[in-house]
N, C-alpha and C. Protein backbone atom coordinates (compact mmCIF):
# COMPACT_ATOMS: atom_id res chain seq x y z
N MET A 1 22.16 29.59 2.45
CA MET A 1 22.40 28.69 1.41
C MET A 1 21.72 29.58 -0.37
N SER A 2 23.09 29.34 -0.95
CA SER A 2 22.37 30.42 -2.03
C SER A 2 21.67 29.64 -3.12
N ALA A 3 21.52 30.19 -4.28
CA ALA A 3 20.05 29.25 -5.68
C ALA A 3 20.50 28.97 -5.47
N GLY A 4 22.00 28.73 -5.95
CA GLY A 4 23.21 26.90 -6.43
C GLY A 4 23.47 25.86 -5.92
N PRO A 5 24.01 26.70 -4.42
CA PRO A 5 23.57 25.18 -3.33
C PRO A 5 22.35 24.23 -2.84
N ALA A 6 20.78 25.61 -2.79
CA ALA A 6 20.14 25.06 -2.63
C ALA A 6 19.10 23.79 -3.59
N ARG A 7 19.79 24.63 -4.87
CA ARG A 7 18.86 23.92 -5.60
C ARG A 7 19.58 21.94 -5.83
N LEU A 8 20.70 22.56 -5.79
CA LEU A 8 21.67 20.17 -5.59
C LEU A 8 21.07 20.29 -5.02
N TYR A 9 20.87 21.02 -3.65
CA TYR A 9 20.62 20.37 -1.93
C TYR A 9 19.41 19.73 -2.26
N THR A 10 18.34 20.18 -3.26
CA THR A 10 16.84 19.96 -3.94
C THR A 10 17.17 18.53 -4.26
N ARG A 11 18.01 18.97 -6.16
CA ARG A 11 18.23 17.63 -6.27
C ARG A 11 19.07 16.62 -5.42
N LEU A 12 19.22 16.08 -5.24
CA LEU A 12 20.26 15.51 -4.61
C LEU A 12 19.06 14.66 -3.35
N MET A 13 18.60 15.52 -2.85
CA MET A 13 17.71 15.31 -1.89
C MET A 13 16.07 14.83 -2.48
N MET A 14 15.92 14.64 -3.77
CA MET A 14 14.71 14.31 -4.47
C MET A 14 15.24 12.89 -5.10
N ARG A 15 16.57 12.72 -5.53
CA ARG A 15 17.25 11.46 -5.83
C ARG A 15 17.59 10.53 -4.25
N PHE A 16 17.81 11.10 -2.97
CA PHE A 16 17.86 10.10 -1.94
C PHE A 16 17.31 9.28 -2.09
N LEU A 17 15.69 10.16 -1.98
CA LEU A 17 13.83 10.38 -1.75
C LEU A 17 13.70 8.95 -2.45
N ARG A 18 13.38 8.96 -3.99
CA ARG A 18 13.37 8.09 -5.00
C ARG A 18 13.54 6.41 -4.24
N GLY A 19 15.15 7.09 -4.06
CA GLY A 19 15.70 5.26 -3.93
C GLY A 19 14.72 4.70 -3.40
N LEU A 20 14.09 5.39 -1.89
CA LEU A 20 14.11 4.56 -0.76
C LEU A 20 12.46 4.48 -1.47
N GLU A 21 11.61 4.85 -2.83
CA GLU A 21 10.15 4.03 -2.30
C GLU A 21 10.31 2.86 -2.37
N MET A 22 8.83 2.29 -1.90
CA MET A 22 8.67 1.12 -1.43
C MET A 22 7.92 0.84 -2.11
N PRO A 23 7.30 -0.79 -2.48
CA PRO A 23 6.53 -1.49 -3.22
C PRO A 23 5.29 -0.78 -3.15
N ASN A 24 4.72 -0.78 -4.15
CA ASN A 24 3.11 -0.70 -4.14
C ASN A 24 1.96 -1.79 -3.99
N TYR A 25 0.83 -2.17 -3.18
CA TYR A 25 0.22 -2.67 -3.20
C TYR A 25 -1.05 -2.28 -3.58
N ILE A 26 -1.96 -2.90 -4.03
CA ILE A 26 -3.97 -2.67 -4.22
C ILE A 26 -4.57 -3.53 -4.01
N THR A 27 -5.61 -3.36 -3.29
CA THR A 27 -5.81 -4.71 -2.06
C THR A 27 -6.90 -4.27 -2.11
N LEU A 28 -8.45 -5.16 -3.11
CA LEU A 28 -9.80 -5.09 -3.18
C LEU A 28 -10.26 -6.70 -2.13
N GLY A 29 -11.54 -5.60 -1.29
CA GLY A 29 -11.52 -7.18 -0.42
C GLY A 29 -13.16 -6.02 -0.13
N ASN A 30 -13.91 -7.52 0.27
CA ASN A 30 -15.30 -7.73 0.39
C ASN A 30 -15.14 -8.91 1.77
N TRP A 31 -16.36 -8.15 1.42
CA TRP A 31 -16.83 -8.66 3.29
C TRP A 31 -17.39 -9.70 3.54
N THR A 32 -17.04 -10.27 3.73
CA THR A 32 -17.46 -11.88 4.68
C THR A 32 -18.94 -11.98 5.24
N GLU A 33 -19.38 -13.68 5.27
CA GLU A 33 -20.34 -13.18 6.39
C GLU A 33 -20.42 -11.87 7.04
N GLN A 34 -19.06 -12.67 8.20
CA GLN A 34 -19.14 -12.48 9.99
C GLN A 34 -18.64 -11.02 9.82
N GLY A 35 -18.16 -10.76 8.12
CA GLY A 35 -17.45 -8.94 8.38
C GLY A 35 -18.76 -8.34 8.04
N ILE A 36 -19.16 -8.82 7.14
CA ILE A 36 -20.58 -8.28 7.26
C ILE A 36 -22.10 -7.68 8.17
N LYS A 37 -21.69 -8.62 9.23
CA LYS A 37 -22.46 -9.20 10.29
C LYS A 37 -22.06 -7.94 11.44
N THR A 38 -21.11 -7.93 11.13
CA THR A 38 -20.56 -6.83 12.42
C THR A 38 -19.83 -5.72 11.58
N VAL A 39 -20.33 -4.70 9.69
CA VAL A 39 -19.36 -3.77 9.93
C VAL A 39 -19.63 -2.43 10.61
N LYS A 40 -20.49 -2.78 11.76
CA LYS A 40 -20.36 -1.06 12.49
C LYS A 40 -18.67 -1.47 13.49
N GLU A 41 -18.71 -2.75 13.08
CA GLU A 41 -16.90 -3.01 14.32
C GLU A 41 -15.80 -2.25 13.14
N SER A 42 -15.78 -1.94 11.64
CA SER A 42 -15.26 -2.55 10.60
C SER A 42 -14.40 -0.97 10.66
N PRO A 43 -15.16 0.31 11.57
CA PRO A 43 -13.85 1.26 11.21
C PRO A 43 -12.87 1.04 12.87
N LYS A 44 -12.97 0.48 13.46
CA LYS A 44 -11.92 0.14 14.32
C LYS A 44 -11.15 -1.06 13.66
N ARG A 45 -11.35 -1.70 13.30
CA ARG A 45 -10.81 -2.22 12.74
C ARG A 45 -9.57 -2.16 11.02
N ALA A 46 -10.40 -1.09 10.84
CA ALA A 46 -9.93 -0.73 9.68
C ALA A 46 -8.17 0.31 10.43
N ASP A 47 -9.01 0.64 11.54
CA ASP A 47 -8.03 1.59 12.09
C ASP A 47 -6.55 0.71 13.15
N ALA A 48 -6.87 -0.17 13.31
CA ALA A 48 -5.69 -1.64 13.73
C ALA A 48 -5.26 -2.27 12.74
N VAL A 49 -5.97 -2.20 11.42
CA VAL A 49 -5.29 -2.95 10.47
C VAL A 49 -3.93 -1.68 10.14
N THR A 50 -4.37 0.14 10.22
CA THR A 50 -3.23 0.95 9.77
C THR A 50 -1.73 0.32 10.98
N ALA A 51 -2.14 0.68 12.33
CA ALA A 51 -1.58 -0.09 12.90
C ALA A 51 -1.01 -0.57 13.07
N LEU A 52 -0.97 -1.89 12.60
CA LEU A 52 0.27 -3.00 12.23
C LEU A 52 1.06 -2.31 11.06
N ALA A 53 0.18 -2.11 9.97
CA ALA A 53 0.53 -1.89 8.74
C ALA A 53 1.99 -0.56 9.43
N ASN A 54 1.34 0.04 10.03
CA ASN A 54 2.53 1.12 10.62
C ASN A 54 3.16 0.46 11.50
N LYS A 55 3.33 -0.69 12.44
CA LYS A 55 4.15 -0.81 12.72
C LYS A 55 5.00 -2.08 12.04
N LEU A 56 5.41 -2.50 10.91
CA LEU A 56 5.15 -3.67 10.08
C LEU A 56 6.56 -2.60 9.58
N GLY A 57 5.92 -1.71 9.85
CA GLY A 57 7.44 -0.43 8.00
C GLY A 57 6.34 0.01 7.28
N ALA A 58 5.23 -0.41 7.29
CA ALA A 58 4.26 -0.30 6.13
C ALA A 58 3.57 1.23 5.97
N LYS A 59 2.96 1.64 5.01
CA LYS A 59 1.37 2.30 5.13
C LYS A 59 0.79 1.80 3.70
N MET A 60 -1.08 1.93 4.73
CA MET A 60 -1.71 1.45 4.12
C MET A 60 -2.86 2.26 4.64
N GLN A 61 -3.56 3.19 3.45
CA GLN A 61 -4.76 3.62 3.06
C GLN A 61 -5.92 2.93 2.68
N ILE A 62 -7.28 2.55 3.70
CA ILE A 62 -8.53 1.52 3.93
C ILE A 62 -9.89 3.05 2.75
N PHE A 63 -10.27 2.32 2.31
CA PHE A 63 -11.29 3.34 1.22
C PHE A 63 -12.36 2.32 0.73
N TYR A 64 -13.56 2.71 2.05
CA TYR A 64 -14.54 1.69 1.12
C TYR A 64 -15.14 2.35 0.08
N THR A 65 -15.37 1.82 -0.73
CA THR A 65 -15.80 1.84 -1.48
C THR A 65 -17.91 1.04 -2.24
N MET A 66 -18.30 1.17 -2.89
CA MET A 66 -19.50 1.12 -4.00
C MET A 66 -19.08 0.39 -4.99
N GLY A 67 -19.94 -0.69 -5.66
CA GLY A 67 -19.35 -1.56 -6.60
C GLY A 67 -19.37 -2.79 -6.79
N ARG A 68 -18.38 -3.26 -6.96
CA ARG A 68 -17.78 -4.93 -7.43
C ARG A 68 -17.27 -5.06 -6.06
N TYR A 69 -16.45 -4.29 -4.85
CA TYR A 69 -15.71 -3.89 -3.84
C TYR A 69 -16.29 -3.74 -3.22
N ASP A 70 -15.86 -3.76 -1.76
CA ASP A 70 -16.23 -3.45 -0.88
C ASP A 70 -15.83 -2.57 0.18
N ILE A 71 -14.11 -2.75 0.02
CA ILE A 71 -13.25 -1.95 0.72
C ILE A 71 -12.22 -2.16 -0.43
N VAL A 72 -11.04 -1.30 -0.65
CA VAL A 72 -10.37 -0.61 -1.90
C VAL A 72 -8.75 -0.58 -0.38
N ALA A 73 -8.05 -1.15 -0.46
CA ALA A 73 -6.69 -0.43 0.57
C ALA A 73 -4.75 0.04 -0.68
N LEU A 74 -4.44 1.03 -0.58
CA LEU A 74 -3.35 1.45 -0.98
C LEU A 74 -2.58 0.86 0.28
N THR A 75 -1.45 1.06 -0.60
CA THR A 75 -0.26 -0.10 0.81
C THR A 75 1.04 0.23 -0.05
N GLU A 76 2.05 0.74 1.25
CA GLU A 76 2.89 1.16 0.32
C GLU A 76 4.14 0.09 1.54
N ALA A 77 4.58 -1.35 1.33
CA ALA A 77 5.29 -1.87 2.22
C ALA A 77 6.99 -1.98 1.85
N PRO A 78 7.53 -2.12 2.52
CA PRO A 78 8.91 -2.32 2.36
C PRO A 78 9.61 -2.97 1.82
N ASN A 79 8.80 -4.60 1.46
CA ASN A 79 9.51 -5.94 0.67
C ASN A 79 8.42 -6.32 0.65
N ASP A 80 8.14 -7.33 -0.73
CA ASP A 80 6.55 -8.33 -0.62
C ASP A 80 6.36 -9.09 0.68
N ASP A 81 7.37 -9.75 1.57
CA ASP A 81 7.46 -10.39 2.14
C ASP A 81 6.21 -9.65 3.58
N VAL A 82 6.48 -8.38 3.51
CA VAL A 82 5.84 -7.57 4.69
C VAL A 82 4.99 -7.40 4.90
N ALA A 83 4.40 -7.17 2.53
CA ALA A 83 3.13 -7.18 1.65
C ALA A 83 2.40 -8.74 2.59
N MET A 84 3.15 -9.46 2.70
CA MET A 84 2.38 -10.49 2.44
C MET A 84 1.61 -11.07 4.27
N GLN A 85 2.69 -10.24 5.01
CA GLN A 85 2.47 -10.58 6.66
C GLN A 85 1.99 -9.85 6.69
N LEU A 86 1.18 -8.05 6.15
CA LEU A 86 0.07 -8.23 6.54
C LEU A 86 -1.22 -8.81 5.87
N LEU A 87 -1.08 -8.75 4.94
CA LEU A 87 -2.36 -9.14 4.38
C LEU A 87 -2.99 -10.89 5.05
N LEU A 88 -1.49 -11.40 5.48
CA LEU A 88 -2.38 -12.63 6.01
C LEU A 88 -2.86 -12.29 7.66
N GLU A 89 -2.26 -11.36 7.94
CA GLU A 89 -2.92 -11.39 9.97
C GLU A 89 -4.40 -10.06 8.81
N ILE A 90 -4.53 -9.79 8.78
CA ILE A 90 -6.32 -9.17 8.03
C ILE A 90 -6.80 -10.60 7.71
N GLY A 91 -6.68 -11.36 6.87
CA GLY A 91 -7.32 -12.51 6.47
C GLY A 91 -7.77 -13.18 7.31
N LYS A 92 -6.67 -13.76 8.27
CA LYS A 92 -7.01 -14.53 9.21
C LYS A 92 -8.24 -13.50 9.52
N LEU A 93 -7.82 -12.17 10.26
CA LEU A 93 -9.49 -12.19 11.14
C LEU A 93 -10.74 -12.42 10.57
N GLY A 94 -10.91 -13.03 9.48
CA GLY A 94 -12.20 -13.75 8.77
C GLY A 94 -13.49 -12.50 8.61
N ASN A 95 -13.02 -11.46 7.97
CA ASN A 95 -13.79 -9.85 7.99
C ASN A 95 -14.31 -9.41 6.58
N VAL A 96 -12.45 -10.65 6.10
CA VAL A 96 -12.64 -9.51 4.36
C VAL A 96 -11.99 -10.60 3.71
N LYS A 97 -12.15 -10.65 2.27
CA LYS A 97 -11.61 -12.00 1.66
C LYS A 97 -11.07 -11.00 0.36
N THR A 98 -10.09 -11.12 0.21
CA THR A 98 -8.70 -10.21 -0.35
C THR A 98 -8.85 -10.77 -1.82
N GLN A 99 -8.12 -10.01 -2.89
CA GLN A 99 -7.39 -10.19 -3.24
C GLN A 99 -6.71 -8.64 -3.69
N THR A 100 -5.19 -8.99 -4.16
CA THR A 100 -4.25 -8.04 -4.29
C THR A 100 -3.16 -7.80 -5.29
N LEU A 101 -2.69 -6.82 -5.68
CA LEU A 101 -2.25 -6.81 -7.13
C LEU A 101 -0.91 -5.97 -6.71
N LYS A 102 0.39 -6.28 -7.07
CA LYS A 102 1.10 -5.12 -6.79
C LYS A 102 1.11 -4.23 -8.44
N ALA A 103 1.61 -3.62 -7.37
CA ALA A 103 2.10 -1.48 -8.02
C ALA A 103 2.83 -1.56 -8.93
N TRP A 104 3.01 -0.83 -10.15
CA TRP A 104 4.42 -0.21 -9.76
C TRP A 104 3.95 0.95 -10.65
N THR A 105 4.74 2.37 -10.02
CA THR A 105 4.29 3.71 -10.31
C THR A 105 5.01 3.81 -12.16
N THR A 106 4.47 5.32 -12.53
CA THR A 106 4.93 5.41 -13.48
C THR A 106 6.14 5.53 -13.82
N SER A 107 6.75 5.99 -12.95
CA SER A 107 8.53 6.12 -13.13
C SER A 107 8.87 4.63 -13.05
N GLU A 108 8.61 4.05 -12.19
CA GLU A 108 8.38 2.65 -11.98
C GLU A 108 9.07 2.26 -13.10
N ALA A 109 7.80 1.70 -13.71
CA ALA A 109 7.26 1.39 -14.86
C ALA A 109 7.99 1.66 -15.88
N THR A 110 8.42 3.10 -15.56
CA THR A 110 9.09 3.10 -16.91
C THR A 110 10.92 2.73 -17.30
N LYS A 111 11.34 2.49 -15.99
CA LYS A 111 12.30 1.63 -15.35
C LYS A 111 12.74 0.70 -16.01
N VAL A 112 11.52 -0.78 -15.75
CA VAL A 112 11.29 -1.52 -16.17
C VAL A 112 10.85 -1.69 -17.74
N ILE A 113 10.06 -1.21 -18.11
CA ILE A 113 9.44 -0.48 -19.70
C ILE A 113 11.35 -0.39 -20.70
N SER A 114 12.12 0.31 -20.10
CA SER A 114 12.90 0.84 -20.47
C SER A 114 14.04 -0.43 -21.23
N LYS A 115 13.84 -0.62 -20.13
CA LYS A 115 14.84 -3.07 -20.41
C LYS A 115 14.40 -3.78 -20.97
N VAL A 116 12.74 -3.54 -22.73
CA VAL A 116 12.74 -4.49 -22.41
C VAL A 116 13.37 -3.94 -23.95
N SER A 117 13.57 -5.26 -24.33
CA SER A 117 14.31 -5.34 -26.16
C SER A 117 13.83 -5.13 -27.18
N PRO A 118 14.07 -4.48 -28.04
CA PRO A 118 13.65 -3.85 -29.24
C PRO A 118 12.71 -4.72 -30.70
């Protein structure tokens, strides 16, 4: 493949992949009394939650943090329904209380902002 077609292929693939971007969610979590009492089990729980996210078609990264929140998770899910289901599954386990924010990348926000009337 020469340079011209290769560049065109790359541009088309990038355009296609941008169309496949999933919504982003930021989840802020704090241990419940139950969760902190069994904190040594939290790595196993984190692995199980990540596996569940994958099963639902989502991707989740979990970070242990210091400060106001004990855990922060970054999630990409196909839609709000999948994100909600995942968070409800996490919540019903009783180990963390969460607050979730829907997030837009700069490129996604730029599209929305461009539609704002002058």
